[in-house]
């Protein structure tokens, strides 16, 4: 079943047989298992205690249970927003996926090379694989220290061979799962980090991690490369500006992206610029941006000296801009998501020209996951009706 946005704020419900259900002006969630459509009435639940849609209204009015199988849809298609004419993207539709899956806090995500979306559910200590159609293929994990379990699952990425790598902050270990979700092994990273922003795996098996550390082999650099058995090779890349190195433990370095050529795109968090490197550390390009901010990593924290010695740290109330990873749209075209308060933007870049332009996007689109070129799907994670969801934006690229 699918909800389609019509004109204005009208919702048109469509059932699997294509028949229209109900047109209304507002739908809202009144509790975790109760939904209301204004100005009509509260909907019911099916045998699995999931909310049902408009087909249940008559049954509810008669005091009977809703029909089995009449469940809330997992997709919502919207077509209200459109990119500006001079931005080289055109939106076809937006599907909201996962309303019935009860996702927890989605701390990280990645788009696999075959179109599968991987989600890191921090609340449930799970990794979730969602296929291109929007169906959950598998879930793995759980809190613990056994095979395939996690203490603090923090980052994930899929390698070219389809193996999923999940970084557990507790113990600095990476667990690997097969494309079918079977646990392979868990190995410890031979370095210490205070903040890990991202990780990617090169086709040759080397792993790159963006992170900060105040001591050891990772100190002083943003990007760190490891052998297939996770021994440190070298580090490179500028860290964000900070007078107090302690601030970087909270601020982090910046996201990483593996390009189709096997290079790295590193998005630095303040100043906002993008660096392209080979995995050997060769600096290939810097993409400057026209956006300047009067804040640095130091503004993220408040530092106070305690009586008798020592320092107390706390998060400040300073509003900090946020930058997502670079998402490749074509061989030399990529976008970076940028957030300023409640406003969200997509910044467009090319290898040849650098920064090209910016598009304002709806705030509820959330964070970019990746672009499936074969299907034209741009995936994001965000919220809908106060519930964590995936959004699948069907787009075309203009010539």
Protein backbone atom coordinates (compact mmCIF):
# COMPACT_ATOMS: atom_id res chain seq x y z
CA UNK A 1 0.00 0.00 0.00
CA UNK A 2 1.29 3.46 -0.80
CA UNK A 3 0.46 7.01 0.20
CA UNK A 4 0.76 9.56 -2.56
CA UNK A 5 0.99 13.27 -2.06
CA UNK A 6 -1.58 15.05 -4.15
CA UNK A 7 -2.20 18.78 -4.43
CA UNK A 8 -1.64 20.89 -1.34
CA UNK A 9 -1.51 18.83 1.84
CA UNK A 10 -3.88 16.15 0.59
CA UNK A 11 -2.98 12.50 1.04
CA UNK A 12 -4.31 9.86 -1.32
CA UNK A 13 -4.09 6.32 0.06
CA UNK A 14 -3.68 3.54 -2.50
CA UNK A 15 -4.04 -0.16 -1.76
CA UNK A 16 -2.19 -3.11 -3.40
CA UNK A 17 -4.98 -3.54 -5.96
CA UNK A 18 -4.57 0.10 -7.01
CA UNK A 19 -7.88 1.27 -5.58
CA UNK A 20 -7.89 4.68 -3.85
CA UNK A 21 -8.60 4.65 -0.15
CA UNK A 22 -8.98 7.99 1.54
CA UNK A 23 -8.20 11.64 0.91
CA UNK A 24 -7.42 13.69 4.00
CA UNK A 25 -5.62 16.85 5.01
CA UNK A 26 -3.44 15.67 7.85
CA UNK A 27 -2.03 12.51 9.38
CA UNK A 28 -0.20 12.38 12.64
CA UNK A 29 1.09 9.90 15.22
CA UNK A 30 -0.59 10.09 18.61
CA UNK A 31 1.40 7.32 20.31
CA UNK A 32 3.82 4.54 19.27
CA UNK A 33 0.91 2.34 18.15
CA UNK A 34 -1.84 4.82 17.40
CA UNK A 35 -2.37 6.95 14.34
CA UNK A 36 -4.95 9.61 13.58
CA UNK A 37 -6.23 11.15 10.37
CA UNK A 38 -7.70 14.61 10.73
CA UNK A 39 -10.58 15.33 10.75
CA UNK A 40 -11.82 11.74 10.75
CA UNK A 41 -10.87 9.25 13.43
CA UNK A 42 -8.14 7.07 14.95
CA UNK A 43 -7.12 4.05 12.93
CA UNK A 44 -6.78 0.54 14.28
CA UNK A 45 -4.25 -2.29 14.42
CA UNK A 46 -3.87 -5.60 12.63
CA UNK A 47 -3.14 -8.99 14.20
CA UNK A 48 0.53 -8.04 14.55
CA UNK A 49 -0.40 -4.84 16.42
CA UNK A 50 0.56 -2.61 13.52
CA UNK A 51 -1.58 0.40 12.57
CA UNK A 52 -3.94 -0.07 9.63
CA UNK A 53 -5.00 2.53 7.12
CA UNK A 54 -8.23 3.86 5.68
CA UNK A 55 -9.79 0.49 4.85
CA UNK A 56 -10.27 -0.05 8.60
CA UNK A 57 -12.43 3.03 9.16
CA UNK A 58 -15.73 1.31 8.46
CA UNK A 59 -14.79 -1.66 10.63
CA UNK A 60 -13.80 0.64 13.48
CA UNK A 61 -17.04 2.57 13.22
CA UNK A 62 -18.95 -0.72 13.51
CA UNK A 63 -16.83 -1.82 16.47
CA UNK A 64 -15.18 -4.69 14.59
CA UNK A 65 -11.50 -5.54 14.10
CA UNK A 66 -9.79 -4.36 10.94
CA UNK A 67 -9.23 -6.93 8.19
CA UNK A 68 -6.11 -9.05 8.43
CA UNK A 69 -3.28 -7.80 6.29
CA UNK A 70 -4.49 -4.19 6.09
CA UNK A 71 -1.27 -2.66 7.39
CA UNK A 72 0.39 0.70 7.32
CA UNK A 73 2.49 1.10 4.18
CA UNK A 74 6.27 1.06 4.27
CA UNK A 75 6.47 3.56 1.42
CA UNK A 76 5.34 7.13 1.09
CA UNK A 77 5.78 8.85 -2.26
CA UNK A 78 6.06 12.63 -2.29
CA UNK A 79 6.58 15.05 -5.17
CA UNK A 80 6.23 18.46 -3.58
CA UNK A 81 9.88 19.49 -3.73
CA UNK A 82 11.87 20.11 -6.90
CA UNK A 83 15.45 21.27 -7.45
CA UNK A 84 16.09 24.66 -9.01
CA UNK A 85 16.24 24.66 -12.79
CA UNK A 86 19.97 25.42 -12.86
CA UNK A 87 20.86 22.52 -10.52
CA UNK A 88 21.70 19.36 -12.52
CA UNK A 89 19.32 17.06 -10.63
CA UNK A 90 15.63 16.40 -11.17
CA UNK A 91 13.49 14.70 -8.53
CA UNK A 92 11.03 12.06 -9.74
CA UNK A 93 9.66 10.84 -6.41
CA UNK A 94 10.55 10.16 -2.78
CA UNK A 95 9.84 6.89 -0.98
CA UNK A 96 9.87 6.64 2.81
CA UNK A 97 10.99 3.21 3.94
CA UNK A 98 11.05 1.56 7.34
CA UNK A 99 7.93 2.93 9.04
CA UNK A 100 7.06 -0.57 10.24
CA UNK A 101 10.61 -1.68 11.03
CA UNK A 102 11.06 0.18 14.34
CA UNK A 103 14.61 1.32 13.59
CA UNK A 104 16.57 2.69 16.52
CA UNK A 105 19.14 5.49 16.38
CA UNK A 106 20.78 5.20 12.94
CA UNK A 107 24.31 6.24 13.79
CA UNK A 108 25.89 5.36 10.44
CA UNK A 109 24.98 3.98 7.02
CA UNK A 110 26.54 2.94 3.74
CA UNK A 111 25.41 2.08 0.22
CA UNK A 112 26.86 -1.18 -1.06
CA UNK A 113 28.18 -1.63 -4.56
CA UNK A 114 25.17 -3.80 -5.49
CA UNK A 115 22.60 -1.28 -4.24
CA UNK A 116 22.06 -2.71 -0.74
CA UNK A 117 21.82 -0.09 2.02
CA UNK A 118 23.47 -0.94 5.34
CA UNK A 119 22.28 0.74 8.53
CA UNK A 120 23.99 0.81 11.91
CA UNK A 121 21.27 0.74 14.56
CA UNK A 122 23.13 1.99 17.61
CA UNK A 123 20.17 1.60 20.00
CA UNK A 124 19.80 -2.11 19.26
CA UNK A 125 23.51 -2.84 18.59
CA UNK A 126 22.55 -4.17 15.16
CA UNK A 127 23.48 -3.84 11.53
CA UNK A 128 20.61 -3.98 9.04
CA UNK A 129 20.74 -4.71 5.32
CA UNK A 130 17.97 -3.16 3.18
CA UNK A 131 17.68 -4.26 -0.45
CA UNK A 132 17.02 -1.76 -3.30
CA UNK A 133 13.27 -2.44 -3.15
CA UNK A 134 13.19 -1.24 0.45
CA UNK A 135 12.79 -4.64 2.12
CA UNK A 136 14.96 -5.63 5.09
CA UNK A 137 17.18 -8.49 3.89
CA UNK A 138 18.73 -9.30 7.26
CA UNK A 139 19.62 -8.04 10.72
CA UNK A 140 22.67 -9.09 12.69
CA UNK A 141 24.26 -8.23 15.99
CA UNK A 142 23.05 -7.59 19.49
CA UNK A 143 24.77 -6.26 22.57
CA UNK A 144 27.61 -8.42 23.84
CA UNK A 145 31.12 -9.63 23.13
CA UNK A 146 30.34 -12.88 21.36
CA UNK A 147 30.81 -13.57 17.63
CA UNK A 148 28.81 -11.05 15.63
CA UNK A 149 27.86 -9.01 18.70
CA UNK A 150 28.82 -5.42 19.54
CA UNK A 151 29.52 -3.30 22.59
CA UNK A 152 29.64 0.10 20.87
CA UNK A 153 28.95 -0.28 17.12
CA UNK A 154 30.08 2.99 15.62
CA UNK A 155 30.93 2.93 11.90
CA UNK A 156 30.41 0.59 8.95
CA UNK A 157 31.34 0.21 5.30
CA UNK A 158 31.00 -2.39 2.55
CA UNK A 159 34.07 -3.54 0.61
CA UNK A 160 34.01 -4.19 -3.15
CA UNK A 161 33.71 -7.95 -2.51
CA UNK A 162 30.43 -7.39 -0.63
CA UNK A 163 31.88 -8.01 2.83
CA UNK A 164 30.53 -5.63 5.48
CA UNK A 165 33.04 -4.14 7.95
CA UNK A 166 31.69 -2.81 11.27
CA UNK A 167 33.92 -0.80 13.60
CA UNK A 168 33.22 -1.30 17.33
CA UNK A 169 34.57 1.61 19.36
CA UNK A 170 34.89 -0.67 22.38
CA UNK A 171 38.14 -2.52 21.91
CA UNK A 172 38.86 -0.84 18.54
CA UNK A 173 37.74 -3.96 16.67
CA UNK A 174 36.31 -4.49 13.19
CA UNK A 175 33.80 -7.31 12.68
CA UNK A 176 33.24 -8.65 9.19
CA UNK A 177 30.02 -10.10 7.75
CA UNK A 178 29.41 -11.88 4.45
CA UNK A 179 26.95 -10.43 1.90
CA UNK A 180 24.34 -12.79 3.41
CA UNK A 181 25.01 -11.48 6.90
CA UNK A 182 27.06 -14.40 8.21
CA UNK A 183 29.70 -13.46 10.76
CA UNK A 184 33.25 -13.98 9.44
CA UNK A 185 35.66 -12.71 12.09
CA UNK A 186 36.60 -9.85 14.38
CA UNK A 187 40.03 -8.19 14.32
CA UNK A 188 41.58 -5.41 16.35
CA UNK A 189 42.82 -2.19 14.76
CA UNK A 190 46.45 -1.55 15.66
CA UNK A 191 46.00 2.09 16.66
CA UNK A 192 44.21 4.13 19.30
CA UNK A 193 41.57 6.74 18.46
CA UNK A 194 39.56 9.14 20.57
CA UNK A 195 37.17 9.92 17.70
CA UNK A 196 36.47 7.89 14.57
CA UNK A 197 34.48 9.66 11.87
CA UNK A 198 34.52 7.17 9.01
CA UNK A 199 36.16 4.14 7.42
CA UNK A 200 36.41 2.71 3.91
CA UNK A 201 37.97 -0.46 2.49
CA UNK A 202 40.07 -0.35 -0.67
CA UNK A 203 39.71 -3.12 -3.30
CA UNK A 204 43.18 -4.39 -2.36
CA UNK A 205 42.04 -4.99 1.23
CA UNK A 206 43.60 -1.96 2.88
CA UNK A 207 41.40 -0.01 5.29
CA UNK A 208 41.35 3.78 5.66
CA UNK A 209 40.00 5.36 8.85
CA UNK A 210 39.41 9.05 9.48
CA UNK A 211 39.92 9.75 13.15
CA UNK A 212 41.74 11.75 15.79
CA UNK A 213 44.17 10.72 18.48
CA UNK A 214 46.31 12.63 20.96
CA UNK A 215 49.05 9.99 21.04
CA UNK A 216 50.46 7.05 19.14
CA UNK A 217 50.84 6.47 15.40
CA UNK A 218 47.58 8.28 14.56
CA UNK A 219 48.49 11.53 16.32
CA UNK A 220 48.47 14.71 14.28
CA UNK A 221 46.79 13.44 11.11
CA UNK A 222 43.24 12.87 9.89
CA UNK A 223 43.41 9.81 7.58
CA UNK A 224 45.06 6.54 8.60
CA UNK A 225 45.73 3.55 6.36
CA UNK A 226 46.00 -0.05 7.58
CA UNK A 227 47.02 -3.33 5.97
CA UNK A 228 44.39 -6.05 5.41
CA UNK A 229 45.28 -7.45 8.84
CA UNK A 230 44.82 -3.91 10.30
CA UNK A 231 48.44 -2.98 11.00
CA UNK A 232 49.13 0.75 10.64
CA UNK A 233 50.93 1.77 7.44
CA UNK A 234 50.88 5.58 7.37
CA UNK A 235 48.75 8.66 8.10
CA UNK A 236 48.12 11.90 6.22
CA UNK A 237 45.61 14.71 5.72
CA UNK A 238 45.07 17.94 7.67
CA UNK A 239 43.00 17.92 10.83
CA UNK A 240 40.34 20.58 11.49
CA UNK A 241 41.65 23.77 13.03
CA UNK A 242 41.85 23.62 16.83
CA UNK A 243 44.03 25.34 19.40
CA UNK A 244 43.15 22.76 22.03
CA UNK A 245 43.75 19.21 20.73
CA UNK A 246 41.20 17.98 23.25
CA UNK A 247 38.44 19.57 21.18
CA UNK A 248 39.20 17.22 18.29
CA UNK A 249 38.27 14.26 20.47
CA UNK A 250 34.68 15.49 20.26
CA UNK A 251 34.76 17.25 16.92
CA UNK A 252 36.34 14.48 14.84
CA UNK A 253 38.22 14.80 11.57
CA UNK A 254 35.72 14.43 8.73
CA UNK A 255 33.99 11.85 6.51
CA UNK A 256 35.72 9.66 3.91
CA UNK A 257 34.49 8.40 0.55
CA UNK A 258 36.06 5.75 -1.67
CA UNK A 259 35.86 6.86 -5.30
CA UNK A 260 35.32 4.40 -8.18
CA UNK A 261 38.99 4.91 -9.07
CA UNK A 262 40.08 3.75 -5.62
CA UNK A 263 41.04 7.19 -4.33
CA UNK A 264 39.77 8.91 -1.19
CA UNK A 265 37.69 12.07 -0.78
CA UNK A 266 38.17 13.54 2.68
CA UNK A 267 35.72 16.27 3.82
CA UNK A 268 37.43 18.31 6.54
CA UNK A 269 35.26 19.70 9.31
CA UNK A 270 36.20 23.38 9.64
CA UNK A 271 37.59 24.84 7.64
CA UNK A 272 35.19 23.25 5.16
CA UNK A 273 37.26 21.94 2.29
CA UNK A 274 37.61 18.62 0.47
CA UNK A 275 40.84 16.76 -0.25
CA UNK A 276 41.42 13.99 -2.74
CA UNK A 277 44.16 11.48 -1.92
CA UNK A 278 45.46 8.21 -3.21
CA UNK A 279 45.57 5.49 -0.58
CA UNK A 280 49.36 5.85 -0.64
CA UNK A 281 48.93 9.39 0.67
CA UNK A 282 49.54 11.28 -2.57
CA UNK A 283 47.61 14.56 -2.49
CA UNK A 284 45.74 14.77 -5.80
CA UNK A 285 43.51 17.82 -5.37
CA UNK A 286 41.94 20.28 -2.96
CA UNK A 287 38.38 21.51 -3.52
CA UNK A 288 37.84 24.82 -1.75
CA UNK A 289 34.38 26.08 -0.90
CA UNK A 290 32.99 29.62 -0.65
CA UNK A 291 31.57 28.95 2.81
CA UNK A 292 33.45 30.45 5.74
CA UNK A 293 32.47 30.10 9.39
CA UNK A 294 33.51 32.08 12.46
CA UNK A 295 33.79 28.91 14.55
CA UNK A 296 36.41 26.20 14.98
CA UNK A 297 36.54 22.84 16.71
CA UNK A 298 37.42 24.70 19.92
CA UNK A 299 33.93 26.22 20.00
CA UNK A 300 32.35 22.80 20.41
CA UNK A 301 33.46 22.55 24.06
CA UNK A 302 33.65 24.63 27.20
CA UNK A 303 36.81 24.18 29.27
CA UNK A 304 36.87 25.12 32.95
CA UNK A 305 39.66 24.70 35.47
CA UNK A 306 38.64 22.86 38.62
CA UNK A 307 39.68 23.94 42.07
CA UNK A 308 42.60 21.84 43.11
CA UNK A 309 43.68 21.19 39.54
CA UNK A 310 42.30 19.52 36.45
CA UNK A 311 39.94 20.64 33.71
CA UNK A 312 36.22 20.08 33.29
CA UNK A 313 34.83 19.88 29.77
CA UNK A 314 31.23 20.29 28.61
CA UNK A 315 29.55 20.75 25.26
CA UNK A 316 28.92 24.36 24.35
CA UNK A 317 25.70 25.88 23.00
CA UNK A 318 27.49 27.25 19.94
CA UNK A 319 25.71 26.24 16.73
CA UNK A 320 28.17 24.31 14.58
CA UNK A 321 27.77 23.58 10.87
CA UNK A 322 27.82 19.90 9.92
CA UNK A 323 29.15 18.28 6.79
CA UNK A 324 28.37 14.85 5.37
CA UNK A 325 30.49 12.59 3.23
CA UNK A 326 31.05 13.18 -0.47
CA UNK A 327 28.56 11.17 -2.53
CA UNK A 328 29.60 10.31 -6.08
CA UNK A 329 26.87 11.02 -8.65
CA UNK A 330 29.03 10.31 -11.73
CA UNK A 331 32.67 9.59 -12.48
CA UNK A 332 33.82 13.14 -11.66
CA UNK A 333 30.69 14.66 -10.10
CA UNK A 334 29.89 14.57 -6.38
CA UNK A 335 27.78 16.29 -3.73
CA UNK A 336 28.36 17.00 -0.04
CA UNK A 337 25.48 17.58 2.37
CA UNK A 338 25.79 20.63 4.61
CA UNK A 339 23.68 21.56 7.62
CA UNK A 340 23.34 24.98 9.23
CA UNK A 341 20.85 24.83 12.08
CA UNK A 342 17.56 23.62 10.61
CA UNK A 343 18.63 24.35 7.04
CA UNK A 344 20.14 21.70 4.78
CA UNK A 345 21.98 22.02 1.51
CA UNK A 346 23.66 19.96 -1.19
CA UNK A 347 26.96 21.39 -2.44
CA UNK A 348 27.94 20.24 -5.93
CA UNK A 349 31.53 19.67 -7.10
CA UNK A 350 33.36 18.34 -10.15
CA UNK A 351 36.95 17.15 -10.38
CA UNK A 352 37.70 19.71 -13.09
CA UNK A 353 35.89 22.83 -11.84
CA UNK A 354 35.72 22.27 -8.08
CA UNK A 355 32.72 23.89 -6.43
CA UNK A 356 29.84 24.36 -8.89
CA UNK A 357 26.74 25.33 -6.90
CA UNK A 358 24.37 24.69 -4.03
CA UNK A 359 20.77 23.51 -3.69
CA UNK A 360 18.59 23.94 -0.62
CA UNK A 361 16.83 20.69 0.32
CA UNK A 362 14.05 19.74 2.78
CA UNK A 363 15.31 19.42 6.35
CA UNK A 364 13.59 16.08 6.87
CA UNK A 365 15.67 14.43 4.16
CA UNK A 366 18.36 14.00 6.78
CA UNK A 367 21.84 12.66 5.92
CA UNK A 368 23.04 11.31 2.58
CA UNK A 369 23.88 7.60 2.39
CA UNK A 370 24.90 7.16 -1.25
CA UNK A 371 23.75 7.25 -4.86
CA UNK A 372 22.82 4.06 -6.74
CA UNK A 373 23.74 5.02 -10.29
CA UNK A 374 22.20 1.91 -11.87
CA UNK A 375 18.76 2.65 -10.44
CA UNK A 376 18.91 6.41 -9.98
CA UNK A 377 18.30 6.17 -6.22
CA UNK A 378 19.79 8.72 -3.83
CA UNK A 379 19.41 7.29 -0.32
CA UNK A 380 19.20 9.31 2.90
CA UNK A 381 18.50 8.61 6.57
CA UNK A 382 16.26 10.87 8.60
CA UNK A 383 12.94 10.92 10.44
CA UNK A 384 9.28 10.77 9.51
CA UNK A 385 6.53 11.17 12.11
CA UNK A 386 9.28 11.16 14.77
CA UNK A 387 10.47 7.74 13.62
CA UNK A 388 13.88 6.91 12.07
CA UNK A 389 13.45 5.99 8.39
CA UNK A 390 15.22 5.65 5.08
CA UNK A 391 14.35 7.92 2.18
CA UNK A 392 14.86 6.75 -1.38
CA UNK A 393 14.99 9.74 -3.72
CA UNK A 394 14.46 8.74 -7.32
CA UNK A 395 16.39 11.30 -9.36
CA UNK A 396 17.78 11.87 -12.82
CA UNK A 397 20.92 13.80 -13.67
CA UNK A 398 20.56 16.55 -16.25
CA UNK A 399 23.18 16.70 -19.01
